[in-house]
Amino acid sequence: MCVRGLAPFDVLEGLINSYEGDDSSPAVFDALVRACTQFGATDGAYEVIKKLRMDSCWVTIHAWNNFLGQLLKLNEIDRFWKVYKEMISYGYSENVNTFNLIVYALCKECRLLEAISEFYRMLKNEIWPNVVTFNMIIDGACKMGNLELALKLVRKMGVMSGGCVRPNSVTYNCIINGFCKIGNIALAEEVRIEMTKVGIESNERTYGTLIDGHARGGSLEEVFKLCNEMVERGLIPNTVVYNTVIHWLYNVEDMEGASLLLSDMIDKRICPDQYTYSILTKGLCRNGYVTEALRLNNQVIGKNLIEDAFSHNILINYMCRSKNIAGAKPLLGSMFVHGLIPDLVTYGSLIDGYWRTARMEM
């Protein structure tokens, strides 16, 4: 990261030289750490913190939280815990945001009981949890299939927060998503009704989750009803909603419906993303429209709209399963030409394809 040709350390030297101890605010150092993380210079942010400590200039807990949050965004969980312990060893005291990061990290590792222990440690330290704290534990419980615990937390949120916290749309969306994932759409709809009763309106995330849930349950009629309800309420279906419906239309072999929905998406200027193209590629292949899938892939890759190997893997896998190694080879070559790196799925499909072909020739 460079700002007008200056690296973080160059900026830091100037800040340290102008720092006047008690009369200066460490907020400027916090800002430099934050700038590093915002521009993706994670290691630079850590080096800034280390250099400041060596020069007896300390960042605040806010800078540490910012850096720890960046590590979680990058899914560097092991490093997160190492840096957290280092921060504590320097005598810093956690605030509510630090605890939220700890809870989030534990939930990412499916260590739900430990996350709840951190919640009680917050209360013991007289730090009141906020709605983010509750939502992360509720979401963690839902992802682990413990909907009973999630619902208990929602019901007791007010009492456990000293009357300071109430469920919000994120809270209810977590519960709705949890029920949808285990196939209990009826209870998901009941939660939405309760959500409306307490004055919280369904948003795009609510509808997107329910649409996916009903589609998984095979109720496309209910899916389109929800889509219409969204529009009537002034909400515009986003790319995720369109991707979900197109995917399930292909699953029931409704090629015409999927094509019409894609046209509607483009007409409404909702940009397809790489997931859209992957869904289209897979849908066309599984319904026997391989030529169209290859044509689409060529168009998309020509416009640099593909960022990874996923779409190519779908085509290569289809070719190999069809014992068409000759058709898979140009796709592999296309990946190299366009800077896409083959992964384990790519090579696994090719190995399987060669094995199938060898058996056929035996």
Protein backbone atom coordinates (compact mmCIF):
# COMPACT_ATOMS: atom_id res chain seq x y z
CA MET A 1 0.00 0.00 0.00
CA CYS A 2 1.32 3.43 -0.93
CA VAL A 3 -0.23 6.86 -0.46
CA ARG A 4 1.18 9.41 -2.93
CA GLY A 5 4.28 7.23 -3.22
CA LEU A 6 4.69 6.79 0.55
CA ALA A 7 4.69 3.34 2.15
CA PRO A 8 3.06 2.87 5.61
CA PHE A 9 6.44 3.04 7.35
CA ASP A 10 7.26 6.37 5.65
CA VAL A 11 3.97 7.83 6.89
CA LEU A 12 4.59 6.29 10.31
CA GLU A 13 8.03 7.88 10.68
CA GLY A 14 6.52 11.31 10.07
CA LEU A 15 3.76 10.68 12.61
CA ILE A 16 6.19 9.44 15.27
CA ASN A 17 8.48 12.44 14.75
CA SER A 18 5.56 14.82 15.23
CA TYR A 19 4.11 12.90 18.20
CA GLU A 20 4.32 14.86 21.46
CA GLY A 21 3.37 12.32 24.12
CA ASP A 22 0.57 13.42 26.41
CA ASP A 23 -0.45 16.33 24.19
CA SER A 24 -1.02 14.17 21.09
CA SER A 25 -3.76 11.71 20.26
CA PRO A 26 -2.99 8.10 19.31
CA ALA A 27 -6.00 8.29 16.96
CA VAL A 28 -3.64 9.17 14.10
CA PHE A 29 -1.85 5.84 14.56
CA ASP A 30 -5.20 4.05 14.72
CA ALA A 31 -6.11 5.72 11.44
CA LEU A 32 -2.92 4.44 9.79
CA VAL A 33 -3.63 0.87 10.92
CA ARG A 34 -7.20 1.20 9.64
CA ALA A 35 -5.97 2.55 6.29
CA CYS A 36 -3.62 -0.42 5.91
CA THR A 37 -6.41 -2.94 6.51
CA GLN A 38 -8.82 -1.09 4.22
CA PHE A 39 -6.29 -1.26 1.38
CA GLY A 40 -5.54 -4.92 2.05
CA ALA A 41 -2.07 -4.34 3.54
CA THR A 42 -2.66 -6.67 6.48
CA ASP A 43 1.00 -7.35 7.18
CA GLY A 44 1.69 -3.63 6.88
CA ALA A 45 -0.90 -2.94 9.59
CA TYR A 46 0.77 -5.39 11.94
CA GLU A 47 4.22 -3.96 11.24
CA VAL A 48 2.90 -0.48 12.08
CA ILE A 49 1.59 -1.75 15.45
CA LYS A 50 4.91 -3.48 16.23
CA LYS A 51 7.02 -0.46 15.24
CA LEU A 52 4.91 1.85 17.38
CA ARG A 53 5.33 -0.39 20.42
CA MET A 54 9.11 -0.39 19.93
CA ASP A 55 9.03 3.43 19.84
CA SER A 56 6.83 3.62 22.96
CA CYS A 57 3.87 4.93 20.94
CA TRP A 58 0.77 2.83 21.51
CA VAL A 59 -2.27 2.33 19.36
CA THR A 60 -5.63 2.05 21.12
CA ILE A 61 -7.82 -1.04 21.48
CA HIS A 62 -9.74 0.21 18.42
CA ALA A 63 -6.72 -0.35 16.15
CA TRP A 64 -6.22 -3.85 17.54
CA ASN A 65 -9.91 -4.61 16.98
CA ASN A 66 -9.63 -3.35 13.42
CA PHE A 67 -6.64 -5.57 12.75
CA LEU A 68 -8.23 -8.61 14.43
CA GLY A 69 -11.39 -8.05 12.39
CA GLN A 70 -9.32 -8.01 9.20
CA LEU A 71 -7.78 -11.37 10.11
CA LEU A 72 -11.26 -12.85 10.53
CA LYS A 73 -12.31 -11.45 7.15
CA LEU A 74 -9.33 -13.25 5.62
CA ASN A 75 -10.29 -16.40 7.57
CA GLU A 76 -6.90 -16.44 9.31
CA ILE A 77 -8.33 -17.88 12.52
CA ASP A 78 -5.09 -19.28 13.94
CA ARG A 79 -3.33 -15.96 13.45
CA PHE A 80 -6.32 -14.18 15.01
CA TRP A 81 -5.90 -16.11 18.27
CA LYS A 82 -2.14 -15.57 18.29
CA VAL A 83 -2.50 -11.79 17.81
CA TYR A 84 -5.34 -11.62 20.36
CA LYS A 85 -3.15 -13.29 23.02
CA GLU A 86 -0.31 -10.94 22.14
CA MET A 87 -2.62 -7.93 22.58
CA ILE A 88 -3.78 -9.16 26.01
CA SER A 89 -0.16 -9.74 27.07
CA TYR A 90 0.50 -6.02 26.51
CA GLY A 91 -2.15 -5.15 29.08
CA TYR A 92 -5.03 -4.11 26.81
CA SER A 93 -8.57 -4.59 28.14
CA GLU A 94 -11.24 -5.93 25.80
CA ASN A 95 -14.27 -3.81 24.93
CA VAL A 96 -17.59 -4.94 23.48
CA ASN A 97 -16.17 -5.00 19.94
CA THR A 98 -13.26 -7.21 21.02
CA PHE A 99 -15.66 -9.65 22.64
CA ASN A 100 -17.79 -9.65 19.49
CA LEU A 101 -14.74 -10.61 17.44
CA ILE A 102 -13.93 -13.42 19.90
CA VAL A 103 -17.52 -14.71 19.75
CA TYR A 104 -17.47 -14.53 15.94
CA ALA A 105 -14.18 -16.46 15.76
CA LEU A 106 -15.49 -19.16 18.10
CA CYS A 107 -18.72 -19.47 16.12
CA LYS A 108 -16.72 -19.80 12.88
CA GLU A 109 -14.91 -22.72 14.50
CA CYS A 110 -18.24 -24.21 15.69
CA ARG A 111 -17.19 -23.74 19.33
CA LEU A 112 -20.62 -22.58 20.40
CA LEU A 113 -20.34 -23.41 24.12
CA GLU A 114 -17.12 -21.41 24.34
CA ALA A 115 -18.82 -18.51 22.57
CA ILE A 116 -21.57 -18.58 25.20
CA SER A 117 -18.89 -18.66 27.93
CA GLU A 118 -17.40 -15.49 26.44
CA PHE A 119 -20.86 -13.95 26.62
CA TYR A 120 -20.98 -14.59 30.37
CA ARG A 121 -17.41 -13.33 30.75
CA MET A 122 -18.59 -10.07 29.20
CA LEU A 123 -21.31 -9.75 31.83
CA LYS A 124 -18.84 -10.61 34.61
CA ASN A 125 -16.57 -7.80 33.35
CA GLU A 126 -19.57 -5.43 33.30
CA ILE A 127 -19.49 -5.12 29.51
CA TRP A 128 -23.02 -5.29 28.15
CA PRO A 129 -23.46 -7.35 24.97
CA ASN A 130 -25.06 -5.56 22.03
CA VAL A 131 -27.34 -6.90 19.32
CA VAL A 132 -24.30 -7.95 17.26
CA THR A 133 -23.15 -10.24 20.10
CA PHE A 134 -26.55 -11.91 20.31
CA ASN A 135 -26.91 -12.21 16.55
CA MET A 136 -23.57 -13.96 16.15
CA ILE A 137 -24.36 -16.54 18.83
CA ILE A 138 -27.88 -17.03 17.43
CA ASP A 139 -26.47 -17.45 13.92
CA GLY A 140 -23.85 -19.89 15.23
CA ALA A 141 -26.55 -21.93 16.97
CA CYS A 142 -28.67 -21.97 13.80
CA LYS A 143 -25.76 -23.09 11.63
CA MET A 144 -25.12 -25.95 14.04
CA GLY A 145 -28.79 -26.93 13.90
CA ASN A 146 -29.53 -25.90 17.49
CA LEU A 147 -32.69 -23.90 16.74
CA GLU A 148 -34.01 -24.47 20.26
CA LEU A 149 -31.09 -22.55 21.77
CA ALA A 150 -31.37 -19.85 19.11
CA LEU A 151 -35.04 -19.27 19.91
CA LYS A 152 -34.34 -19.18 23.67
CA LEU A 153 -31.73 -16.47 23.11
CA VAL A 154 -34.19 -14.42 21.06
CA ARG A 155 -36.85 -14.70 23.77
CA LYS A 156 -34.43 -13.80 26.59
CA MET A 157 -32.46 -11.14 24.75
CA GLY A 158 -34.05 -8.28 26.69
CA VAL A 159 -33.47 -9.84 30.12
CA MET A 160 -29.90 -10.93 29.34
CA SER A 161 -28.95 -7.45 28.12
CA GLY A 162 -30.49 -5.53 30.99
CA GLY A 163 -33.32 -4.35 28.76
CA CYS A 164 -30.92 -2.64 26.34
CA VAL A 165 -31.14 -4.96 23.33
CA ARG A 166 -34.05 -6.09 21.16
CA PRO A 167 -34.05 -8.48 18.19
CA ASN A 168 -33.64 -6.81 14.78
CA SER A 169 -34.11 -7.99 11.20
CA VAL A 170 -30.72 -9.75 11.25
CA THR A 171 -31.80 -11.75 14.33
CA TYR A 172 -35.00 -12.97 12.70
CA ASN A 173 -33.29 -13.63 9.37
CA CYS A 174 -30.80 -15.92 11.14
CA ILE A 175 -33.67 -17.93 12.66
CA ILE A 176 -35.57 -18.06 9.37
CA ASN A 177 -32.44 -19.25 7.57
CA GLY A 178 -31.87 -21.90 10.24
CA PHE A 179 -35.36 -23.36 9.80
CA CYS A 180 -35.09 -23.21 6.00
CA LYS A 181 -31.79 -25.08 6.06
CA ILE A 182 -33.34 -27.99 8.00
CA GLY A 183 -36.36 -27.98 5.68
CA ASN A 184 -38.90 -26.67 8.19
CA ILE A 185 -40.46 -23.95 6.03
CA ALA A 186 -43.64 -23.82 8.10
CA LEU A 187 -41.74 -22.69 11.21
CA ALA A 188 -39.68 -20.27 9.10
CA GLU A 189 -42.92 -18.63 7.96
CA GLU A 190 -44.16 -18.50 11.57
CA VAL A 191 -41.01 -16.62 12.54
CA ARG A 192 -41.65 -14.15 9.73
CA ILE A 193 -45.18 -13.56 11.06
CA GLU A 194 -43.77 -12.96 14.54
CA MET A 195 -41.20 -10.60 13.02
CA THR A 196 -43.97 -8.54 11.42
CA LYS A 197 -45.99 -8.47 14.66
CA VAL A 198 -43.12 -6.80 16.53
CA GLY A 199 -42.85 -4.16 13.82
CA ILE A 200 -39.86 -5.45 11.84
CA GLU A 201 -40.46 -5.58 8.10
CA SER A 202 -39.14 -8.38 5.90
CA ASN A 203 -36.21 -7.24 3.76
CA GLU A 204 -34.42 -8.61 0.70
CA ARG A 205 -32.48 -11.09 2.86
CA THR A 206 -35.70 -12.40 4.46
CA TYR A 207 -37.35 -12.96 1.09
CA GLY A 208 -34.20 -14.42 -0.45
CA THR A 209 -33.91 -16.97 2.36
CA LEU A 210 -37.59 -17.99 2.18
CA ILE A 211 -37.48 -18.19 -1.62
CA ASP A 212 -34.52 -20.57 -1.42
CA GLY A 213 -36.25 -22.59 1.32
CA HIS A 214 -39.49 -23.00 -0.64
CA ALA A 215 -37.54 -23.83 -3.81
CA ARG A 216 -35.60 -26.56 -1.98
CA GLY A 217 -38.95 -27.93 -0.83
CA GLY A 218 -40.16 -28.05 -4.45
CA SER A 219 -42.79 -25.32 -4.05
CA LEU A 220 -42.00 -23.07 -7.03
CA GLU A 221 -45.53 -21.68 -6.93
CA GLU A 222 -44.80 -20.26 -3.47
CA VAL A 223 -41.46 -18.98 -4.76
CA PHE A 224 -43.10 -16.84 -7.44
CA LYS A 225 -45.73 -15.67 -4.96
CA LEU A 226 -42.94 -14.39 -2.69
CA CYS A 227 -41.20 -12.73 -5.65
CA ASN A 228 -44.41 -10.89 -6.53
CA GLU A 229 -44.91 -9.92 -2.88
CA MET A 230 -41.40 -8.45 -2.84
CA VAL A 231 -42.10 -6.27 -5.85
CA GLU A 232 -45.48 -5.16 -4.47
CA ARG A 233 -43.72 -4.01 -1.30
CA GLY A 234 -41.22 -1.98 -3.30
CA LEU A 235 -38.33 -4.40 -2.85
CA ILE A 236 -36.32 -5.32 -5.93
CA PRO A 237 -35.19 -8.96 -6.20
CA ASN A 238 -31.39 -8.95 -6.26
CA THR A 239 -28.88 -11.18 -8.04
CA VAL A 240 -29.01 -13.79 -5.26
CA VAL A 241 -32.80 -14.14 -5.60
CA TYR A 242 -32.61 -14.46 -9.39
CA ASN A 243 -29.77 -16.98 -9.13
CA THR A 244 -31.78 -19.10 -6.69
CA VAL A 245 -34.91 -19.21 -8.84
CA ILE A 246 -33.00 -19.83 -12.10
CA HIS A 247 -31.11 -22.69 -10.42
CA TRP A 248 -34.29 -24.42 -9.29
CA LEU A 249 -36.03 -23.89 -12.63
CA TYR A 250 -33.16 -25.72 -14.30
CA ASN A 251 -33.48 -28.45 -11.66
CA VAL A 252 -37.08 -29.12 -12.74
CA GLU A 253 -36.02 -28.89 -16.42
CA ASP A 254 -37.99 -25.69 -17.04
CA MET A 255 -35.59 -24.30 -19.65
CA GLU A 256 -38.08 -21.75 -20.96
CA GLY A 257 -38.81 -20.41 -17.47
CA ALA A 258 -35.09 -20.08 -16.69
CA SER A 259 -34.45 -18.24 -19.98
CA LEU A 260 -37.36 -15.85 -19.38
CA LEU A 261 -36.17 -15.11 -15.87
CA LEU A 262 -32.64 -14.40 -17.12
CA SER A 263 -34.08 -12.00 -19.71
CA ASP A 264 -36.15 -10.32 -16.99
CA MET A 265 -33.02 -9.97 -14.86
CA ILE A 266 -31.13 -8.26 -17.69
CA ASP A 267 -34.12 -6.05 -18.61
CA LYS A 268 -34.22 -4.79 -15.02
CA ARG A 269 -30.48 -4.05 -15.17
CA ILE A 270 -29.64 -6.49 -12.41
CA CYS A 271 -26.15 -7.63 -13.33
CA PRO A 272 -25.53 -11.38 -13.50
CA ASP A 273 -22.47 -12.40 -11.46
CA GLN A 274 -20.09 -15.34 -11.82
CA TYR A 275 -22.52 -17.50 -9.81
CA THR A 276 -25.24 -16.72 -12.35
CA TYR A 277 -22.98 -17.91 -15.17
CA SER A 278 -22.04 -21.05 -13.24
CA ILE A 279 -25.74 -21.81 -12.66
CA LEU A 280 -26.48 -21.26 -16.36
CA THR A 281 -23.56 -23.45 -17.41
CA LYS A 282 -24.56 -26.29 -15.10
CA GLY A 283 -28.25 -25.98 -15.99
CA LEU A 284 -27.57 -26.09 -19.72
CA CYS A 285 -25.22 -29.09 -19.38
CA ARG A 286 -27.50 -31.19 -17.21
CA ASN A 287 -30.39 -30.57 -19.61
CA GLY A 288 -28.34 -31.58 -22.66
CA TYR A 289 -27.56 -28.12 -24.10
CA VAL A 290 -23.78 -28.52 -24.08
CA THR A 291 -23.15 -26.45 -27.22
CA GLU A 292 -25.05 -23.53 -25.68
CA ALA A 293 -23.09 -23.94 -22.43
CA LEU A 294 -19.78 -23.80 -24.31
CA ARG A 295 -20.93 -20.75 -26.26
CA LEU A 296 -21.94 -19.00 -23.04
CA ASN A 297 -18.60 -19.86 -21.44
CA ASN A 298 -16.70 -18.37 -24.40
CA GLN A 299 -18.75 -15.17 -24.26
CA VAL A 300 -18.31 -14.73 -20.52
CA ILE A 301 -14.59 -15.51 -20.41
CA GLY A 302 -14.04 -13.14 -23.34
CA LYS A 303 -15.47 -10.32 -21.21
CA ASN A 304 -13.30 -11.27 -18.18
CA LEU A 305 -16.38 -11.99 -16.06
CA ILE A 306 -15.07 -15.24 -14.59
CA GLU A 307 -12.74 -15.03 -11.59
CA ASP A 308 -12.11 -18.69 -10.77
CA ALA A 309 -12.18 -22.23 -12.15
CA PHE A 310 -15.77 -23.03 -11.14
CA SER A 311 -17.54 -22.65 -14.53
CA HIS A 312 -14.75 -24.43 -16.39
CA ASN A 313 -14.86 -27.24 -13.83
CA ILE A 314 -18.55 -27.76 -14.56
CA LEU A 315 -17.86 -28.13 -18.29
CA ILE A 316 -14.74 -30.26 -17.83
CA ASN A 317 -16.60 -32.52 -15.40
CA TYR A 318 -19.49 -32.91 -17.84
CA MET A 319 -17.12 -33.74 -20.72
CA CYS A 320 -15.21 -36.27 -18.62
CA ARG A 321 -18.36 -37.94 -17.32
CA SER A 322 -19.47 -38.22 -20.96
CA LYS A 323 -16.08 -39.85 -21.78
CA ASN A 324 -15.27 -36.87 -24.03
CA ILE A 325 -11.64 -36.21 -23.06
CA ALA A 326 -11.06 -34.54 -26.43
CA GLY A 327 -13.67 -31.92 -25.48
CA ALA A 328 -12.18 -31.40 -22.00
CA LYS A 329 -8.62 -30.67 -23.19
CA PRO A 330 -9.40 -27.33 -24.95
CA LEU A 331 -11.25 -26.17 -21.83
CA LEU A 332 -8.17 -26.88 -19.71
CA GLY A 333 -6.07 -24.96 -22.23
CA SER A 334 -8.54 -22.06 -22.10
CA MET A 335 -8.10 -21.88 -18.34
CA PHE A 336 -4.34 -21.44 -18.66
CA VAL A 337 -4.70 -18.86 -21.44
CA HIS A 338 -7.04 -16.72 -19.31
CA GLY A 339 -5.02 -17.01 -16.11
CA LEU A 340 -7.40 -19.36 -14.30
CA ILE A 341 -5.64 -21.89 -12.09
CA PRO A 342 -6.90 -25.49 -12.25
CA ASP A 343 -7.72 -26.86 -8.80
CA LEU A 344 -8.29 -30.28 -7.22
CA VAL A 345 -11.77 -30.48 -8.78
CA THR A 346 -10.31 -29.83 -12.25
CA TYR A 347 -7.67 -32.53 -11.96
CA GLY A 348 -10.05 -34.92 -10.21
CA SER A 349 -12.50 -34.64 -13.12
CA LEU A 350 -9.71 -35.20 -15.67
CA ILE A 351 -8.37 -38.26 -13.82
CA ASP A 352 -11.90 -39.67 -13.64
CA GLY A 353 -12.39 -38.94 -17.34
CA TYR A 354 -9.19 -40.71 -18.38
CA TRP A 355 -10.12 -43.66 -16.16
CA ARG A 356 -13.57 -43.91 -17.75
CA THR A 357 -12.05 -43.69 -21.24
CA ALA A 358 -9.43 -46.35 -20.44
CA ARG A 359 -12.13 -48.73 -19.15
CA MET A 360 -14.15 -48.16 -22.33
CA GLU A 361 -11.12 -49.05 -24.48
CA MET A 362 -10.26 -52.23 -22.50
